[in-house]
PDB file of N, CA and C in Angstrom:
ATOM      1  N   MET A   1       0.857  -1.159   0.000  1.00  0.00           N
ATOM      2  CA  MET A   1       0.000   0.000   0.000  1.00  0.00           C
ATOM      3  C   MET A   1       0.909   1.228   0.000  1.00  0.00           C
ATOM      4  N   SER A   2       0.677   2.139  -0.897  1.00  0.00           N
ATOM      5  CA  SER A   2       1.509   3.336  -0.963  1.00  0.00           C
ATOM      6  C   SER A   2       0.969   4.401  -0.026  1.00  0.00           C
ATOM      7  N   THR A   3       1.794   5.403   0.218  1.00  0.00           N
ATOM      8  CA  THR A   3       1.409   6.491   1.103  1.00  0.00           C
ATOM      9  C   THR A   3       0.155   7.178   0.572  1.00  0.00           C
ATOM     10  N   GLY A   4      -0.747   7.494   1.433  1.00  0.00           N
ATOM     11  CA  GLY A   4      -1.966   8.181   1.045  1.00  0.00           C
ATOM     12  C   GLY A   4      -3.138   7.255   0.788  1.00  0.00           C
ATOM     13  N   GLN A   5      -2.881   5.947   0.631  1.00  0.00           N
ATOM     14  CA  GLN A   5      -3.976   5.016   0.412  1.00  0.00           C
ATOM     15  C   GLN A   5      -4.548   4.585   1.750  1.00  0.00           C
ATOM     16  N   THR A   6      -5.796   4.277   1.754  1.00  0.00           N
ATOM     17  CA  THR A   6      -6.430   3.763   2.964  1.00  0.00           C
ATOM     18  C   THR A   6      -6.769   2.299   2.768  1.00  0.00           C
ATOM     19  N   SER A   7      -6.820   1.599   3.845  1.00  0.00           N
ATOM     20  CA  SER A   7      -7.155   0.183   3.802  1.00  0.00           C
ATOM     21  C   SER A   7      -8.619   0.007   3.459  1.00  0.00           C
ATOM     22  N   LYS A   8      -8.912  -1.027   2.697  1.00  0.00           N
ATOM     23  CA  LYS A   8     -10.299  -1.330   2.354  1.00  0.00           C
ATOM     24  C   LYS A   8     -10.959  -2.209   3.412  1.00  0.00           C
ATOM     25  N   LEU A   9     -10.167  -2.624   4.396  1.00  0.00           N
ATOM     26  CA  LEU A   9     -10.728  -3.436   5.467  1.00  0.00           C
ATOM     27  C   LEU A   9     -11.537  -2.557   6.397  1.00  0.00           C
ATOM     28  N   LYS A  10     -12.700  -3.049   6.739  1.00  0.00           N
ATOM     29  CA  LYS A  10     -13.540  -2.300   7.667  1.00  0.00           C
ATOM     30  C   LYS A  10     -13.252  -2.766   9.085  1.00  0.00           C
ATOM     31  N   ARG A  11     -13.181  -1.845   9.976  1.00  0.00           N
ATOM     32  CA  ARG A  11     -12.981  -2.183  11.382  1.00  0.00           C
ATOM     33  C   ARG A  11     -14.307  -2.578  11.989  1.00  0.00           C
ATOM     34  N   LYS A  12     -14.256  -3.652  12.738  1.00  0.00           N
ATOM     35  CA  LYS A  12     -15.455  -4.094  13.443  1.00  0.00           C
ATOM     36  C   LYS A  12     -15.321  -3.644  14.894  1.00  0.00           C
ATOM     37  N   PRO A  13     -16.409  -3.227  15.471  1.00  0.00           N
ATOM     38  CA  PRO A  13     -16.325  -2.822  16.879  1.00  0.00           C
ATOM     39  C   PRO A  13     -15.973  -4.021  17.759  1.00  0.00           C
ATOM     40  N   ILE A  14     -15.199  -3.752  18.773  1.00  0.00           N
ATOM     41  CA  ILE A  14     -14.829  -4.803  19.723  1.00  0.00           C
ATOM     42  C   ILE A  14     -15.987  -4.989  20.692  1.00  0.00           C
ATOM     43  N   ILE A  15     -16.408  -6.229  20.811  1.00  0.00           N
ATOM     44  CA  ILE A  15     -17.498  -6.547  21.731  1.00  0.00           C
ATOM     45  C   ILE A  15     -16.883  -7.233  22.945  1.00  0.00           C
ATOM     46  N   HIS A  16     -17.083  -6.648  24.097  1.00  0.00           N
ATOM     47  CA  HIS A  16     -16.559  -7.222  25.323  1.00  0.00           C
ATOM     48  C   HIS A  16     -17.591  -8.161  25.932  1.00  0.00           C
ATOM     49  N   MET A  17     -17.154  -9.384  26.178  1.00  0.00           N
ATOM     50  CA  MET A  17     -18.041 -10.349  26.812  1.00  0.00           C
ATOM     51  C   MET A  17     -17.752 -10.372  28.303  1.00  0.00           C
ATOM     52  N   VAL A  18     -18.765 -10.452  29.062  1.00  0.00           N
ATOM     53  CA  VAL A  18     -18.612 -10.584  30.500  1.00  0.00           C
ATOM     54  C   VAL A  18     -18.935 -12.030  30.852  1.00  0.00           C
ATOM     55  N   LEU A  19     -18.006 -12.686  31.519  1.00  0.00           N
ATOM     56  CA  LEU A  19     -18.221 -14.072  31.924  1.00  0.00           C
ATOM     57  C   LEU A  19     -19.164 -14.128  33.119  1.00  0.00           C
ATOM     58  N   THR A  20     -20.000 -15.143  33.130  1.00  0.00           N
ATOM     59  CA  THR A  20     -20.858 -15.351  34.287  1.00  0.00           C
ATOM     60  C   THR A  20     -20.019 -15.928  35.424  1.00  0.00           C
ATOM     61  N   SER A  21     -20.554 -15.909  36.591  1.00  0.00           N
ATOM     62  CA  SER A  21     -19.864 -16.470  37.750  1.00  0.00           C
ATOM     63  C   SER A  21     -19.606 -17.965  37.544  1.00  0.00           C
ATOM     64  N   ARG A  22     -20.570 -18.667  36.973  1.00  0.00           N
ATOM     65  CA  ARG A  22     -20.410 -20.110  36.711  1.00  0.00           C
ATOM     66  C   ARG A  22     -19.300 -20.365  35.686  1.00  0.00           C
ATOM     67  N   GLU A  23     -19.211 -19.526  34.651  1.00  0.00           N
ATOM     68  CA  GLU A  23     -18.146 -19.677  33.661  1.00  0.00           C
ATOM     69  C   GLU A  23     -16.777 -19.435  34.290  1.00  0.00           C
ATOM     70  N   LYS A  24     -16.695 -18.429  35.136  1.00  0.00           N
ATOM     71  CA  LYS A  24     -15.438 -18.165  35.846  1.00  0.00           C
ATOM     72  C   LYS A  24     -15.064 -19.348  36.731  1.00  0.00           C
ATOM     73  N   THR A  25     -16.050 -19.917  37.401  1.00  0.00           N
ATOM     74  CA  THR A  25     -15.807 -21.074  38.261  1.00  0.00           C
ATOM     75  C   THR A  25     -15.316 -22.258  37.429  1.00  0.00           C
ATOM     76  N   ALA A  26     -15.902 -22.468  36.253  1.00  0.00           N
ATOM     77  CA  ALA A  26     -15.473 -23.559  35.371  1.00  0.00           C
ATOM     78  C   ALA A  26     -14.017 -23.364  34.952  1.00  0.00           C
ATOM     79  N   ILE A  27     -13.622 -22.134  34.673  1.00  0.00           N
ATOM     80  CA  ILE A  27     -12.232 -21.851  34.300  1.00  0.00           C
ATOM     81  C   ILE A  27     -11.301 -22.155  35.464  1.00  0.00           C
ATOM     82  N   ILE A  28     -11.693 -21.764  36.662  1.00  0.00           N
ATOM     83  CA  ILE A  28     -10.871 -22.024  37.849  1.00  0.00           C
ATOM     84  C   ILE A  28     -10.774 -23.525  38.101  1.00  0.00           C
ATOM     85  N   VAL A  29     -11.880 -24.238  37.946  1.00  0.00           N
ATOM     86  CA  VAL A  29     -11.874 -25.697  38.119  1.00  0.00           C
ATOM     87  C   VAL A  29     -10.925 -26.328  37.106  1.00  0.00           C
ATOM     88  N   SER A  30     -10.954 -25.866  35.878  1.00  0.00           N
ATOM     89  CA  SER A  30     -10.050 -26.376  34.852  1.00  0.00           C
ATOM     90  C   SER A  30      -8.593 -26.166  35.252  1.00  0.00           C
ATOM     91  N   HIS A  31      -8.298 -24.992  35.751  1.00  0.00           N
ATOM     92  CA  HIS A  31      -6.942 -24.701  36.211  1.00  0.00           C
ATOM     93  C   HIS A  31      -6.562 -25.604  37.380  1.00  0.00           C
ATOM     94  N   LEU A  32      -7.465 -25.804  38.307  1.00  0.00           N
ATOM     95  CA  LEU A  32      -7.172 -26.639  39.473  1.00  0.00           C
ATOM     96  C   LEU A  32      -6.972 -28.099  39.086  1.00  0.00           C
ATOM     97  N   VAL A  33      -7.704 -28.596  38.103  1.00  0.00           N
ATOM     98  CA  VAL A  33      -7.501 -29.969  37.623  1.00  0.00           C
ATOM     99  C   VAL A  33      -6.095 -30.100  37.047  1.00  0.00           C
ATOM    100  N   SER A  34      -5.688 -29.114  36.262  1.00  0.00           N
ATOM    101  CA  SER A  34      -4.343 -29.105  35.690  1.00  0.00           C
ATOM    102  C   SER A  34      -3.276 -29.034  36.786  1.00  0.00           C
ATOM    103  N   LEU A  35      -3.488 -28.164  37.750  1.00  0.00           N
ATOM    104  CA  LEU A  35      -2.560 -28.016  38.870  1.00  0.00           C
ATOM    105  C   LEU A  35      -2.464 -29.305  39.679  1.00  0.00           C
ATOM    106  N   TYR A  36      -3.590 -29.940  39.918  1.00  0.00           N
ATOM    107  CA  TYR A  36      -3.619 -31.215  40.630  1.00  0.00           C
ATOM    108  C   TYR A  36      -2.780 -32.258  39.893  1.00  0.00           C
ATOM    109  N   SER A  37      -2.955 -32.346  38.586  1.00  0.00           N
ATOM    110  CA  SER A  37      -2.202 -33.321  37.787  1.00  0.00           C
ATOM    111  C   SER A  37      -0.703 -33.065  37.872  1.00  0.00           C
ATOM    112  N   GLU A  38      -0.307 -31.797  37.759  1.00  0.00           N
ATOM    113  CA  GLU A  38       1.114 -31.446  37.857  1.00  0.00           C
ATOM    114  C   GLU A  38       1.673 -31.808  39.227  1.00  0.00           C
ATOM    115  N   LYS A  39       0.936 -31.473  40.272  1.00  0.00           N
ATOM    116  CA  LYS A  39       1.406 -31.758  41.632  1.00  0.00           C
ATOM    117  C   LYS A  39       1.471 -33.257  41.902  1.00  0.00           C
ATOM    118  N   MET A  40       0.530 -34.009  41.336  1.00  0.00           N
ATOM    119  CA  MET A  40       0.555 -35.471  41.502  1.00  0.00           C
ATOM    120  C   MET A  40       1.796 -36.056  40.839  1.00  0.00           C
ATOM    121  N   GLU A  41       2.109 -35.576  39.640  1.00  0.00           N
ATOM    122  CA  GLU A  41       3.290 -36.056  38.924  1.00  0.00           C
ATOM    123  C   GLU A  41       4.575 -35.788  39.700  1.00  0.00           C
ATOM    124  N   ARG A  42       4.605 -34.684  40.424  1.00  0.00           N
ATOM    125  CA  ARG A  42       5.797 -34.305  41.196  1.00  0.00           C
ATOM    126  C   ARG A  42       5.783 -34.857  42.621  1.00  0.00           C
ATOM    127  N   GLY A  43       4.723 -35.576  42.962  1.00  0.00           N
ATOM    128  CA  GLY A  43       4.621 -36.150  44.302  1.00  0.00           C
ATOM    129  C   GLY A  43       4.331 -35.134  45.392  1.00  0.00           C
ATOM    130  N   LYS A  44       3.716 -34.002  45.023  1.00  0.00           N
ATOM    131  CA  LYS A  44       3.434 -32.942  45.988  1.00  0.00           C
ATOM    132  C   LYS A  44       1.999 -32.961  46.502  1.00  0.00           C
ATOM    133  N   VAL A  45       1.249 -33.979  46.096  1.00  0.00           N
ATOM    134  CA  VAL A  45      -0.116 -34.161  46.592  1.00  0.00           C
ATOM    135  C   VAL A  45      -0.195 -35.572  47.143  1.00  0.00           C
ATOM    136  N   SER A  46      -0.814 -35.687  48.280  1.00  0.00           N
ATOM    137  CA  SER A  46      -0.992 -36.993  48.909  1.00  0.00           C
ATOM    138  C   SER A  46      -1.794 -37.909  47.988  1.00  0.00           C
ATOM    139  N   ASN A  47      -1.388 -39.177  47.919  1.00  0.00           N
ATOM    140  CA  ASN A  47      -2.120 -40.148  47.099  1.00  0.00           C
ATOM    141  C   ASN A  47      -3.549 -40.330  47.576  1.00  0.00           C
ATOM    142  N   SER A  48      -3.806 -39.988  48.817  1.00  0.00           N
ATOM    143  CA  SER A  48      -5.164 -40.157  49.355  1.00  0.00           C
ATOM    144  C   SER A  48      -6.070 -38.970  49.023  1.00  0.00           C
ATOM    145  N   GLN A  49      -5.506 -37.878  48.492  1.00  0.00           N
ATOM    146  CA  GLN A  49      -6.329 -36.713  48.164  1.00  0.00           C
ATOM    147  C   GLN A  49      -6.839 -36.828  46.724  1.00  0.00           C
ATOM    148  N   SER A  50      -8.140 -36.831  46.582  1.00  0.00           N
ATOM    149  CA  SER A  50      -8.741 -36.928  45.251  1.00  0.00           C
ATOM    150  C   SER A  50      -8.746 -35.555  44.586  1.00  0.00           C
ATOM    151  N   VAL A  51      -8.965 -35.552  43.279  1.00  0.00           N
ATOM    152  CA  VAL A  51      -9.049 -34.292  42.545  1.00  0.00           C
ATOM    153  C   VAL A  51     -10.213 -33.454  43.062  1.00  0.00           C
ATOM    154  N   ILE A  52     -11.300 -34.113  43.442  1.00  0.00           N
ATOM    155  CA  ILE A  52     -12.467 -33.396  43.992  1.00  0.00           C
ATOM    156  C   ILE A  52     -12.089 -32.701  45.299  1.00  0.00           C
ATOM    157  N   ASP A  53     -11.423 -33.435  46.193  1.00  0.00           N
ATOM    158  CA  ASP A  53     -10.978 -32.840  47.460  1.00  0.00           C
ATOM    159  C   ASP A  53     -10.048 -31.663  47.217  1.00  0.00           C
ATOM    160  N   PHE A  54      -9.140 -31.819  46.252  1.00  0.00           N
ATOM    161  CA  PHE A  54      -8.188 -30.760  45.925  1.00  0.00           C
ATOM    162  C   PHE A  54      -8.921 -29.511  45.437  1.00  0.00           C
ATOM    163  N   ILE A  55      -9.898 -29.701  44.572  1.00  0.00           N
ATOM    164  CA  ILE A  55     -10.664 -28.560  44.045  1.00  0.00           C
ATOM    165  C   ILE A  55     -11.434 -27.872  45.168  1.00  0.00           C
ATOM    166  N   ILE A  56     -12.149 -28.652  45.977  1.00  0.00           N
ATOM    167  CA  ILE A  56     -12.946 -28.080  47.076  1.00  0.00           C
ATOM    168  C   ILE A  56     -12.043 -27.306  48.039  1.00  0.00           C
ATOM    169  N   LYS A  57     -10.873 -27.840  48.305  1.00  0.00           N
ATOM    170  CA  LYS A  57      -9.939 -27.198  49.234  1.00  0.00           C
ATOM    171  C   LYS A  57      -9.347 -25.907  48.663  1.00  0.00           C
ATOM    172  N   ASN A  58      -9.169 -25.838  47.347  1.00  0.00           N
ATOM    173  CA  ASN A  58      -8.445 -24.724  46.743  1.00  0.00           C
ATOM    174  C   ASN A  58      -9.284 -23.720  45.954  1.00  0.00           C
ATOM    175  N   ILE A  59     -10.570 -23.986  45.807  1.00  0.00           N
ATOM    176  CA  ILE A  59     -11.420 -23.044  45.068  1.00  0.00           C
ATOM    177  C   ILE A  59     -11.580 -21.767  45.897  1.00  0.00           C
ATOM    178  N   PRO A  60     -11.434 -20.592  45.289  1.00  0.00           N
ATOM    179  CA  PRO A  60     -11.634 -19.356  46.049  1.00  0.00           C
ATOM    180  C   PRO A  60     -13.035 -19.291  46.662  1.00  0.00           C
ATOM    181  N   GLN A  61     -13.107 -18.727  47.832  1.00  0.00           N
ATOM    182  CA  GLN A  61     -14.358 -18.666  48.600  1.00  0.00           C
ATOM    183  C   GLN A  61     -15.513 -18.089  47.787  1.00  0.00           C
ATOM    184  N   GLU A  62     -15.245 -17.047  46.996  1.00  0.00           N
ATOM    185  CA  GLU A  62     -16.337 -16.404  46.254  1.00  0.00           C
ATOM    186  C   GLU A  62     -16.909 -17.283  45.139  1.00  0.00           C
ATOM    187  N   HIS A  63     -16.221 -18.384  44.802  1.00  0.00           N
ATOM    188  CA  HIS A  63     -16.723 -19.284  43.770  1.00  0.00           C
ATOM    189  C   HIS A  63     -17.330 -20.567  44.337  1.00  0.00           C
ATOM    190  N   LYS A  64     -17.265 -20.741  45.639  1.00  0.00           N
ATOM    191  CA  LYS A  64     -17.818 -21.952  46.256  1.00  0.00           C
ATOM    192  C   LYS A  64     -19.320 -22.115  46.030  1.00  0.00           C
ATOM    193  N   PRO A  65     -20.107 -21.027  45.995  1.00  0.00           N
ATOM    194  CA  PRO A  65     -21.541 -21.225  45.732  1.00  0.00           C
ATOM    195  C   PRO A  65     -21.836 -21.826  44.352  1.00  0.00           C
ATOM    196  N   ASP A  66     -20.938 -21.630  43.389  1.00  0.00           N
ATOM    197  CA  ASP A  66     -21.159 -22.134  42.030  1.00  0.00           C
ATOM    198  C   ASP A  66     -20.595 -23.534  41.807  1.00  0.00           C
ATOM    199  N   ILE A  67     -19.816 -24.016  42.756  1.00  0.00           N
ATOM    200  CA  ILE A  67     -19.162 -25.317  42.570  1.00  0.00           C
ATOM    201  C   ILE A  67     -20.163 -26.446  42.828  1.00  0.00           C
ATOM    202  N   SER A  68     -20.092 -27.470  41.986  1.00  0.00           N
ATOM    203  CA  SER A  68     -20.930 -28.645  42.179  1.00  0.00           C
ATOM    204  C   SER A  68     -20.194 -29.835  41.575  1.00  0.00           C
ATOM    205  N   ILE A  69     -20.595 -31.011  41.979  1.00  0.00           N
ATOM    206  CA  ILE A  69     -20.003 -32.223  41.414  1.00  0.00           C
ATOM    207  C   ILE A  69     -20.265 -32.268  39.909  1.00  0.00           C
ATOM    208  N   ASP A  70     -21.458 -31.837  39.489  1.00  0.00           N
ATOM    209  CA  ASP A  70     -21.774 -31.827  38.056  1.00  0.00           C
ATOM    210  C   ASP A  70     -20.842 -30.908  37.276  1.00  0.00           C
ATOM    211  N   LEU A  71     -20.553 -29.716  37.819  1.00  0.00           N
ATOM    212  CA  LEU A  71     -19.644 -28.790  37.151  1.00  0.00           C
ATOM    213  C   LEU A  71     -18.244 -29.380  37.068  1.00  0.00           C
ATOM    214  N   ILE A  72     -17.758 -29.928  38.170  1.00  0.00           N
ATOM    215  CA  ILE A  72     -16.429 -30.544  38.190  1.00  0.00           C
ATOM    216  C   ILE A  72     -16.375 -31.686  37.183  1.00  0.00           C
ATOM    217  N   ASP A  73     -17.408 -32.502  37.168  1.00  0.00           N
ATOM    218  CA  ASP A  73     -17.470 -33.637  36.242  1.00  0.00           C
ATOM    219  C   ASP A  73     -17.484 -33.167  34.790  1.00  0.00           C
ATOM    220  N   ASP A  74     -18.272 -32.138  34.491  1.00  0.00           N
ATOM    221  CA  ASP A  74     -18.321 -31.592  33.126  1.00  0.00           C
ATOM    222  C   ASP A  74     -16.956 -31.074  32.687  1.00  0.00           C
ATOM    223  N   VAL A  75     -16.306 -30.316  33.556  1.00  0.00           N
ATOM    224  CA  VAL A  75     -14.986 -29.762  33.229  1.00  0.00           C
ATOM    225  C   VAL A  75     -13.976 -30.889  33.053  1.00  0.00           C
ATOM    226  N   PHE A  76     -13.968 -31.831  33.975  1.00  0.00           N
ATOM    227  CA  PHE A  76     -13.013 -32.935  33.903  1.00  0.00           C
ATOM    228  C   PHE A  76     -13.233 -33.760  32.629  1.00  0.00           C
ATOM    229  N   ASN A  77     -14.477 -34.048  32.287  1.00  0.00           N
ATOM    230  CA  ASN A  77     -14.768 -34.799  31.063  1.00  0.00           C
ATOM    231  C   ASN A  77     -14.343 -34.029  29.816  1.00  0.00           C
ATOM    232  N   PHE A  78     -14.562 -32.728  29.811  1.00  0.00           N
ATOM    233  CA  PHE A  78     -14.154 -31.904  28.672  1.00  0.00           C
ATOM    234  C   PHE A  78     -12.642 -31.931  28.509  1.00  0.00           C
ATOM    235  N   ILE A  79     -11.922 -31.741  29.602  1.00  0.00           N
ATOM    236  CA  ILE A  79     -10.454 -31.732  29.551  1.00  0.00           C
ATOM    237  C   ILE A  79      -9.920 -33.091  29.118  1.00  0.00           C
ATOM    238  N   SER A  80     -10.428 -34.150  29.713  1.00  0.00           N
ATOM    239  CA  SER A  80      -9.881 -35.476  29.426  1.00  0.00           C
ATOM    240  C   SER A  80     -10.244 -35.984  28.034  1.00  0.00           C
ATOM    241  N   SER A  81     -11.277 -35.437  27.426  1.00  0.00           N
ATOM    242  CA  SER A  81     -11.653 -35.890  26.078  1.00  0.00           C
ATOM    243  C   SER A  81     -10.902 -35.149  24.975  1.00  0.00           C
ATOM    244  N   ARG A  82     -10.145 -34.112  25.351  1.00  0.00           N
ATOM    245  CA  ARG A  82      -9.434 -33.318  24.350  1.00  0.00           C
ATOM    246  C   ARG A  82      -7.982 -33.055  24.733  1.00  0.00           C
ATOM    247  N   PRO A  83      -7.252 -34.081  25.137  1.00  0.00           N
ATOM    248  CA  PRO A  83      -5.884 -33.832  25.613  1.00  0.00           C
ATOM    249  C   PRO A  83      -4.948 -33.264  24.561  1.00  0.00           C
ATOM    250  N   MET A  84      -5.098 -33.678  23.330  1.00  0.00           N
ATOM    251  CA  MET A  84      -4.196 -33.199  22.291  1.00  0.00           C
ATOM    252  C   MET A  84      -4.584 -31.794  21.815  1.00  0.00           C
ATOM    253  N   GLU A  85      -5.856 -31.488  21.797  1.00  0.00           N
ATOM    254  CA  GLU A  85      -6.314 -30.187  21.335  1.00  0.00           C
ATOM    255  C   GLU A  85      -5.915 -29.062  22.285  1.00  0.00           C
ATOM    256  N   LEU A  86      -5.866 -29.359  23.582  1.00  0.00           N
ATOM    257  CA  LEU A  86      -5.621 -28.324  24.579  1.00  0.00           C
ATOM    258  C   LEU A  86      -4.171 -28.222  25.004  1.00  0.00           C
ATOM    259  N   SER A  87      -3.326 -29.129  24.564  1.00  0.00           N
ATOM    260  CA  SER A  87      -1.937 -29.068  25.022  1.00  0.00           C
ATOM    261  C   SER A  87      -1.073 -28.230  24.106  1.00  0.00           C
TER     262      SER A  87
END
């Protein structure tokens, strides 16, 4: 493009999405599942502590109302079904 020419591309307005509390909780659960796996590999988590216990223990207080076994299960199933896509 030479000097003085303008781009023919039109700018689209940026739309900001606000995550719901449940979506934020799902993201945190995903991170905690990953953290649990890393810590297990390094031997920094007791063999008797389950991933569920780890999540319940480490989820921030403000997200505890949104946490449920169904949410944890959904996140865990999503992560485990797409190991190559997410790595």
